[in-house]
Amino acid sequence: MKTYQEVEHSLITKYRKEIWRPFMKAIRDYELVKENDYIAVCISGGKDSVLLAKCLEELQKHGKIKFKLSFLIMDPGYQKETLTKIKGNLEALNLSYHIKKSDIFEVANKLSKDHPCYLCARMRRGFLYQKAQDLGCNKIALGHHFDDVIETILLSMFYGGEFKTMLPKLKSTNFEGMELIRPLYLVREEAIKSFWNQNEYQFINCACALSKKEEKLSKRYEIKKLLERLRKENPRIDQNIFKSSEKVHVETLLSYVKEGKETTFLDQFQKDE
C-alpha cells in the first residue's frame, strides 16, 4: 500500500485527467459544493466512496470554497473482519471517521426476501440522512460514478419501461434542508479501479452475503455485460447514452411526466389546430 501522501499526489498528477478533472468539472458544472457547506461523505468501504473522500478532502485543502467535511461510515451489520478492513484502509489514508451502527442487513432480509437490496438501499439512505443531519451537515455525498449513471438509464428503459437518469444532486423530500450530491458523476469506473490498483489498495465490495450470491442474476449485472459487448462495436456508446439524457427533444416525445402530471404530444397537437 502506498502512503496517503503518495495517493494524494497521484490523484492530482498521474490521474489528473482521468479523475481529478472530471471530478472538478462535476463540482463546477452542477454546483455541488458551496460556501459554508457541511458535507457528510458516506463511506461504504468500497473503492468509489473512499476515492470520493480523498477527492473532497483535496478540494477542501486546496480549493477556493470554504466548507466542512465529516466522513461517515454506516455499519449495516458488517462482519468483524469487514469492518477491520474498512478501518485499516481509512487509517492508512489518514481519514478520520464516524461509525454509526445499525441492523439494516438483518431487517432488509427479513422484510423483503425477494428484493432485499432495494429495501436495504432505501433504508441506508434514510439512515445516512438522519445521522448526517444529527452531525449538523446540510449535504450527504455518495460515490456514484459515470458508469452507475448510464447503467441506471438503461435499467429504467429495459426493465422499468420509462426514461429516468441518476441526477448529480437532489433535495431530500424527508429531511428538510438536506441535499444529496454525487461528485464522481463524470468519473469512469475503470479509472477508479486503475487508481487504486496503482496505489496498491484493496477494498470491500457489498458485504452482504445475499448480495454476493445474487449478483450475477441481477439486472444491473446484465446491463454491465451488455455494455461490454456494445463497446467493442462502438467505443463511444457510453458517452452517447449519457448525452441522450442531456439532449432530450421534448417535442418528439409521446408523453412526459413532470411533478406527477403527464403531458402527451396530443395536448400540444390540439393547441396547434
Protein backbone atom coordinates (compact mmCIF):
# COMPACT_ATOMS: atom_id res chain seq x y z
CA MET A 1 0.00 0.00 0.00
CA LYS A 2 1.26 3.45 -0.92
CA THR A 3 1.30 6.16 1.75
CA TYR A 4 -1.56 8.63 1.90
CA GLN A 5 0.83 11.34 0.66
CA GLU A 6 1.62 9.25 -2.43
CA VAL A 7 -2.09 8.59 -3.00
CA GLU A 8 -2.90 12.31 -2.80
CA HIS A 9 -0.02 13.18 -5.13
CA SER A 10 -1.09 10.64 -7.76
CA LEU A 11 -4.65 11.95 -7.63
CA ILE A 12 -3.66 15.39 -8.92
CA THR A 13 -0.74 14.29 -11.12
CA LYS A 14 -0.88 10.84 -12.72
CA TYR A 15 -4.70 10.67 -12.53
CA ARG A 16 -5.39 14.35 -13.07
CA LYS A 17 -7.00 13.76 -16.47
CA GLU A 18 -8.96 10.60 -15.62
CA ILE A 19 -10.17 11.52 -12.11
CA TRP A 20 -9.35 14.99 -10.82
CA ARG A 21 -10.53 16.96 -13.86
CA PRO A 22 -13.90 15.18 -14.28
CA PHE A 23 -14.39 15.44 -10.51
CA MET A 24 -13.79 19.19 -10.63
CA LYS A 25 -15.95 19.57 -13.75
CA ALA A 26 -18.89 17.96 -11.92
CA ILE A 27 -18.30 20.20 -8.89
CA ARG A 28 -18.37 23.31 -11.10
CA ASP A 29 -20.98 22.40 -13.73
CA TYR A 30 -23.54 21.04 -11.28
CA GLU A 31 -22.72 23.46 -8.42
CA LEU A 32 -22.28 20.62 -5.96
CA VAL A 33 -20.23 22.38 -3.27
CA LYS A 34 -20.99 25.87 -1.99
CA GLU A 35 -19.50 28.22 0.57
CA ASN A 36 -20.03 27.07 4.19
CA ASP A 37 -21.46 23.68 3.23
CA TYR A 38 -21.05 20.91 5.79
CA ILE A 39 -20.87 17.65 3.86
CA ALA A 40 -21.14 14.13 5.25
CA VAL A 41 -19.14 11.86 2.95
CA CYS A 42 -20.88 8.49 3.15
CA ILE A 43 -18.27 5.74 3.10
CA SER A 44 -19.32 2.15 2.45
CA GLY A 45 -15.72 0.93 2.46
CA GLY A 46 -15.70 0.32 -1.29
CA LYS A 47 -13.35 1.84 -3.87
CA ASP A 48 -15.78 4.55 -5.01
CA SER A 49 -16.75 6.10 -1.70
CA VAL A 50 -13.15 6.10 -0.41
CA LEU A 51 -11.96 7.86 -3.57
CA LEU A 52 -14.77 10.38 -3.09
CA ALA A 53 -13.49 11.05 0.43
CA LYS A 54 -9.96 11.75 -0.82
CA CYS A 55 -11.18 13.96 -3.68
CA LEU A 56 -13.32 16.11 -1.39
CA GLU A 57 -10.52 16.27 1.17
CA GLU A 58 -8.14 17.57 -1.53
CA LEU A 59 -10.74 20.11 -2.66
CA GLN A 60 -11.17 21.28 0.92
CA LYS A 61 -7.40 21.69 1.38
CA HIS A 62 -6.61 23.43 -1.90
CA GLY A 63 -9.86 24.84 -3.30
CA LYS A 64 -11.17 28.38 -3.00
CA ILE A 65 -14.53 27.40 -1.49
CA LYS A 66 -14.59 27.02 2.28
CA PHE A 67 -16.60 24.03 3.53
CA LYS A 68 -16.54 21.34 6.22
CA LEU A 69 -16.39 17.56 5.90
CA SER A 70 -17.24 14.57 8.08
CA PHE A 71 -16.54 11.02 6.96
CA LEU A 72 -19.46 8.83 7.91
CA ILE A 73 -19.44 5.02 7.93
CA MET A 74 -22.77 3.30 8.31
CA ASP A 75 -22.28 -0.22 9.66
CA PRO A 76 -25.41 -2.09 8.50
CA GLY A 77 -24.25 -5.34 10.11
CA TYR A 78 -20.75 -5.97 8.78
CA GLN A 79 -18.72 -8.95 9.89
CA LYS A 80 -15.88 -8.03 12.23
CA GLU A 81 -13.20 -8.68 9.60
CA THR A 82 -15.02 -6.47 7.08
CA LEU A 83 -15.16 -3.54 9.47
CA THR A 84 -11.50 -4.08 10.33
CA LYS A 85 -10.63 -3.90 6.63
CA ILE A 86 -12.58 -0.66 6.19
CA LYS A 87 -10.95 0.96 9.22
CA GLY A 88 -7.49 -0.15 8.13
CA ASN A 89 -7.83 1.45 4.69
CA LEU A 90 -9.18 4.72 6.07
CA GLU A 91 -6.47 4.96 8.70
CA ALA A 92 -3.77 4.26 6.08
CA LEU A 93 -5.27 7.08 4.01
CA ASN A 94 -5.26 9.45 7.01
CA LEU A 95 -9.05 9.82 7.08
CA SER A 96 -10.80 10.28 10.40
CA TYR A 97 -14.34 8.88 10.55
CA HIS A 98 -17.56 8.39 12.47
CA ILE A 99 -19.06 4.87 12.61
CA LYS A 100 -22.81 4.54 13.08
CA LYS A 101 -24.15 1.06 13.85
CA SER A 102 -27.44 -0.33 12.54
CA ASP A 103 -29.13 -3.68 11.82
CA ILE A 104 -30.21 -2.85 8.26
CA PHE A 105 -28.85 -6.05 6.65
CA GLU A 106 -30.91 -8.18 9.03
CA VAL A 107 -34.07 -6.09 8.76
CA ALA A 108 -33.97 -5.87 4.94
CA ASN A 109 -33.53 -9.62 4.58
CA LYS A 110 -36.46 -10.28 6.93
CA LEU A 111 -38.88 -7.76 5.42
CA SER A 112 -38.09 -8.24 1.74
CA LYS A 113 -36.77 -11.70 0.97
CA ASP A 114 -37.38 -11.27 -2.79
CA HIS A 115 -35.81 -7.81 -3.17
CA PRO A 116 -33.63 -7.14 -0.09
CA CYS A 117 -31.10 -4.98 -1.99
CA TYR A 118 -33.75 -2.40 -2.94
CA LEU A 119 -35.06 -2.13 0.62
CA CYS A 120 -31.53 -2.12 2.04
CA ALA A 121 -30.53 0.79 -0.22
CA ARG A 122 -33.59 2.83 0.80
CA MET A 123 -33.05 2.17 4.49
CA ARG A 124 -29.36 3.01 4.27
CA ARG A 125 -30.12 6.29 2.51
CA GLY A 126 -32.57 7.34 5.21
CA PHE A 127 -30.18 6.30 7.97
CA LEU A 128 -27.35 8.33 6.43
CA TYR A 129 -29.52 11.42 6.03
CA GLN A 130 -30.54 11.20 9.68
CA LYS A 131 -27.02 10.71 11.04
CA ALA A 132 -25.63 13.45 8.79
CA GLN A 133 -28.33 15.82 9.99
CA ASP A 134 -27.50 14.89 13.59
CA LEU A 135 -23.90 15.93 12.91
CA GLY A 136 -25.12 19.31 11.64
CA CYS A 137 -24.49 18.60 7.95
CA ASN A 138 -26.57 20.08 5.15
CA LYS A 139 -25.44 17.61 2.46
CA ILE A 140 -24.52 13.96 2.05
CA ALA A 141 -22.09 12.89 -0.68
CA LEU A 142 -22.36 9.47 -2.34
CA GLY A 143 -19.80 7.70 -4.52
CA HIS A 144 -21.89 7.02 -7.63
CA HIS A 145 -19.82 7.38 -10.80
CA PHE A 146 -20.36 7.79 -14.56
CA ASP A 147 -20.92 4.07 -15.18
CA ASP A 148 -23.63 3.99 -12.50
CA VAL A 149 -25.39 6.81 -14.33
CA ILE A 150 -25.54 5.17 -17.76
CA GLU A 151 -26.43 1.78 -16.28
CA THR A 152 -29.33 3.41 -14.45
CA ILE A 153 -30.59 4.97 -17.69
CA LEU A 154 -30.61 1.59 -19.44
CA LEU A 155 -32.16 -0.17 -16.43
CA SER A 156 -35.05 2.28 -16.40
CA MET A 157 -35.66 1.77 -20.13
CA PHE A 158 -35.23 -2.00 -20.36
CA TYR A 159 -36.82 -3.07 -17.09
CA GLY A 160 -38.88 -0.08 -15.91
CA GLY A 161 -40.48 0.94 -19.18
CA GLU A 162 -39.58 4.59 -18.58
CA PHE A 163 -36.70 7.01 -19.10
CA LYS A 164 -35.02 8.13 -15.89
CA THR A 165 -31.50 9.04 -15.00
CA MET A 166 -29.45 9.49 -11.83
CA LEU A 167 -29.12 13.21 -11.14
CA PRO A 168 -25.89 14.77 -9.81
CA LYS A 169 -27.76 16.34 -6.90
CA LEU A 170 -31.15 16.05 -5.24
CA LYS A 171 -33.07 17.78 -2.48
CA SER A 172 -34.27 15.41 0.22
CA THR A 173 -38.04 15.07 0.44
CA ASN A 174 -37.96 13.69 4.00
CA PHE A 175 -35.14 15.66 5.63
CA GLU A 176 -35.71 19.39 5.37
CA GLY A 177 -32.71 21.40 4.22
CA MET A 178 -30.69 18.33 3.25
CA GLU A 179 -29.26 17.62 -0.20
CA LEU A 180 -27.59 14.61 -1.81
CA ILE A 181 -24.62 15.21 -4.13
CA ARG A 182 -22.65 12.87 -6.44
CA PRO A 183 -19.24 14.47 -7.12
CA LEU A 184 -17.86 11.44 -9.02
CA TYR A 185 -20.70 11.78 -11.54
CA LEU A 186 -18.32 12.18 -14.52
CA VAL A 187 -15.56 9.80 -13.36
CA ARG A 188 -15.29 6.42 -15.12
CA GLU A 189 -15.24 3.24 -13.03
CA GLU A 190 -12.24 1.95 -14.98
CA ALA A 191 -10.22 4.98 -13.84
CA ILE A 192 -11.19 4.35 -10.21
CA LYS A 193 -10.08 0.72 -10.40
CA SER A 194 -6.80 1.70 -12.06
CA PHE A 195 -6.12 4.40 -9.45
CA TRP A 196 -6.46 2.05 -6.51
CA ASN A 197 -4.54 -0.77 -8.22
CA GLN A 198 -1.70 1.66 -8.92
CA ASN A 199 -1.69 2.69 -5.27
CA GLU A 200 -1.89 -0.95 -4.09
CA TYR A 201 -5.16 -0.75 -2.16
CA GLN A 202 -7.92 -3.34 -1.99
CA PHE A 203 -11.47 -2.62 -0.89
CA ILE A 204 -14.62 -4.48 0.03
CA ASN A 205 -17.50 -4.95 -2.38
CA CYS A 206 -21.00 -5.17 -0.93
CA ALA A 207 -20.52 -7.11 2.29
CA CYS A 208 -23.99 -8.66 2.29
CA ALA A 209 -23.77 -12.42 1.70
CA LEU A 210 -27.11 -12.50 -0.10
CA SER A 211 -25.99 -9.73 -2.46
CA LYS A 212 -22.85 -11.64 -3.41
CA LYS A 213 -24.85 -14.76 -4.19
CA GLU A 214 -27.39 -12.89 -6.32
CA GLU A 215 -25.00 -10.50 -8.10
CA LYS A 216 -24.73 -12.45 -11.36
CA LEU A 217 -28.51 -12.79 -11.50
CA SER A 218 -29.08 -9.05 -11.13
CA LYS A 219 -30.36 -6.80 -13.90
CA ARG A 220 -27.50 -4.35 -13.32
CA TYR A 221 -25.03 -7.17 -13.96
CA GLU A 222 -26.83 -7.91 -17.25
CA ILE A 223 -26.53 -4.25 -18.24
CA LYS A 224 -22.81 -4.23 -17.42
CA LYS A 225 -22.24 -7.25 -19.66
CA LEU A 226 -24.34 -5.72 -22.45
CA LEU A 227 -22.28 -2.51 -22.34
CA GLU A 228 -19.06 -4.53 -22.53
CA ARG A 229 -20.30 -6.07 -25.78
CA LEU A 230 -21.54 -2.78 -27.23
CA ARG A 231 -18.22 -1.02 -26.56
CA LYS A 232 -16.48 -3.45 -28.92
CA GLU A 233 -18.65 -2.17 -31.77
CA ASN A 234 -18.88 1.47 -30.67
CA PRO A 235 -16.27 2.83 -28.22
CA ARG A 236 -18.40 5.95 -27.71
CA ILE A 237 -21.53 4.07 -26.65
CA ASP A 238 -21.23 5.21 -23.01
CA GLN A 239 -20.86 8.88 -23.94
CA ASN A 240 -23.76 8.65 -26.37
CA ILE A 241 -26.05 7.17 -23.72
CA PHE A 242 -25.04 9.92 -21.30
CA LYS A 243 -25.54 12.64 -23.91
CA SER A 244 -29.03 11.32 -24.62
CA SER A 245 -30.05 12.46 -21.14
CA GLU A 246 -28.76 15.98 -21.85
CA LYS A 247 -30.28 16.37 -25.31
CA VAL A 248 -33.90 15.33 -24.84
CA HIS A 249 -36.14 16.85 -27.53
CA VAL A 250 -39.40 17.19 -25.62
CA GLU A 251 -41.42 17.97 -28.76
CA THR A 252 -40.65 14.48 -30.12
CA LEU A 253 -41.84 12.60 -27.02
CA LEU A 254 -45.14 10.74 -26.92
CA SER A 255 -45.53 11.90 -23.34
CA TYR A 256 -43.57 13.12 -20.34
CA VAL A 257 -44.23 13.40 -16.63
CA LYS A 258 -43.44 16.49 -14.58
CA GLU A 259 -44.30 16.81 -10.88
CA GLY A 260 -46.62 13.83 -11.19
CA LYS A 261 -48.59 15.27 -14.12
CA GLU A 262 -48.46 13.56 -17.52
CA THR A 263 -48.43 15.62 -20.68
CA THR A 264 -48.83 13.94 -24.10
CA PHE A 265 -47.96 15.13 -27.60
CA LEU A 266 -51.71 15.34 -28.27
CA ASP A 267 -52.01 18.20 -25.79
CA GLN A 268 -49.74 20.39 -27.90
CA PHE A 269 -51.12 18.95 -31.16
CA GLN A 270 -54.63 20.05 -30.22
CA LYS A 271 -53.41 23.53 -29.23
CA ASP A 272 -51.86 23.93 -32.68
CA GLU A 273 -55.10 23.05 -34.53
